[in-house]
Amino acid sequence: MFTLVTVPTGVALARLQVLETNEPWLFATVAAVCTALTVLLLRTRSARTPLQALCRRFTP
């Protein structure tokens, strides 16, 4: 689960460092794209299975 959330963000931020940019709109765009990509990844079957297991474990 942690990997599905952090890998897209890490790759995008690393790319911004390589480009040496300081423009705020670009960081906002990257944040929005990373959020959208994370949501899409969490909607896959392989991500829903552990989510469901976590929900069952922590609900009474």
Protein backbone atom coordinates (compact mmCIF):
# COMPACT_ATOMS: atom_id res chain seq x y z
CA MET A 1 0.00 0.00 0.00
CA PHE A 2 2.78 2.41 0.92
CA THR A 3 4.50 1.74 -2.40
CA LEU A 4 1.37 2.47 -4.41
CA VAL A 5 1.07 5.87 -2.80
CA THR A 6 4.70 7.01 -2.66
CA VAL A 7 6.32 5.74 -5.86
CA PRO A 8 4.48 8.05 -8.29
CA THR A 9 5.18 11.04 -6.05
CA GLY A 10 8.84 10.14 -5.62
CA VAL A 11 9.37 9.72 -9.34
CA ALA A 12 7.68 13.03 -10.12
CA LEU A 13 9.62 14.97 -7.49
CA ALA A 14 12.90 13.42 -8.64
CA ARG A 15 12.13 14.51 -12.19
CA LEU A 16 11.48 18.06 -11.00
CA GLN A 17 14.84 18.10 -9.23
CA VAL A 18 16.60 16.97 -12.40
CA LEU A 19 14.88 19.76 -14.33
CA GLU A 20 15.92 22.26 -11.61
CA THR A 21 12.62 24.10 -11.63
CA ASN A 22 11.15 26.35 -8.94
CA GLU A 23 7.81 27.22 -10.53
CA PRO A 24 4.87 26.78 -8.12
CA TRP A 25 2.33 25.90 -10.84
CA LEU A 26 4.51 23.00 -11.93
CA PHE A 27 4.62 21.60 -8.39
CA ALA A 28 0.84 21.96 -8.13
CA THR A 29 0.40 20.15 -11.43
CA VAL A 30 2.68 17.33 -10.30
CA ALA A 31 0.78 17.03 -7.02
CA ALA A 32 -2.54 16.81 -8.88
CA VAL A 33 -1.24 14.20 -11.32
CA CYS A 34 0.27 12.14 -8.51
CA THR A 35 -3.01 12.22 -6.62
CA ALA A 36 -4.93 11.13 -9.70
CA LEU A 37 -2.44 8.35 -10.44
CA THR A 38 -2.59 7.13 -6.85
CA VAL A 39 -6.40 7.03 -6.97
CA LEU A 40 -6.26 5.06 -10.21
CA LEU A 41 -3.75 2.61 -8.74
CA LEU A 42 -5.86 2.13 -5.60
CA ARG A 43 -8.88 1.28 -7.75
CA THR A 44 -7.18 -1.79 -9.23
CA ARG A 45 -8.10 -5.25 -8.01
CA SER A 46 -4.62 -5.91 -6.64
CA ALA A 47 -4.90 -2.80 -4.44
CA ARG A 48 -8.49 -3.40 -3.34
CA THR A 49 -7.69 -6.81 -1.92
CA PRO A 50 -5.28 -5.53 0.78
CA LEU A 51 -7.56 -2.55 1.45
CA GLN A 52 -10.46 -4.88 2.14
CA ALA A 53 -8.27 -7.03 4.38
CA LEU A 54 -7.21 -3.93 6.36
CA CYS A 55 -10.84 -2.84 6.71
CA ARG A 56 -11.87 -6.28 7.98
CA ARG A 57 -8.99 -6.35 10.45
CA PHE A 58 -9.72 -2.95 12.02
CA THR A 59 -13.52 -3.02 12.10
CA PRO A 60 -15.24 -4.65 15.08
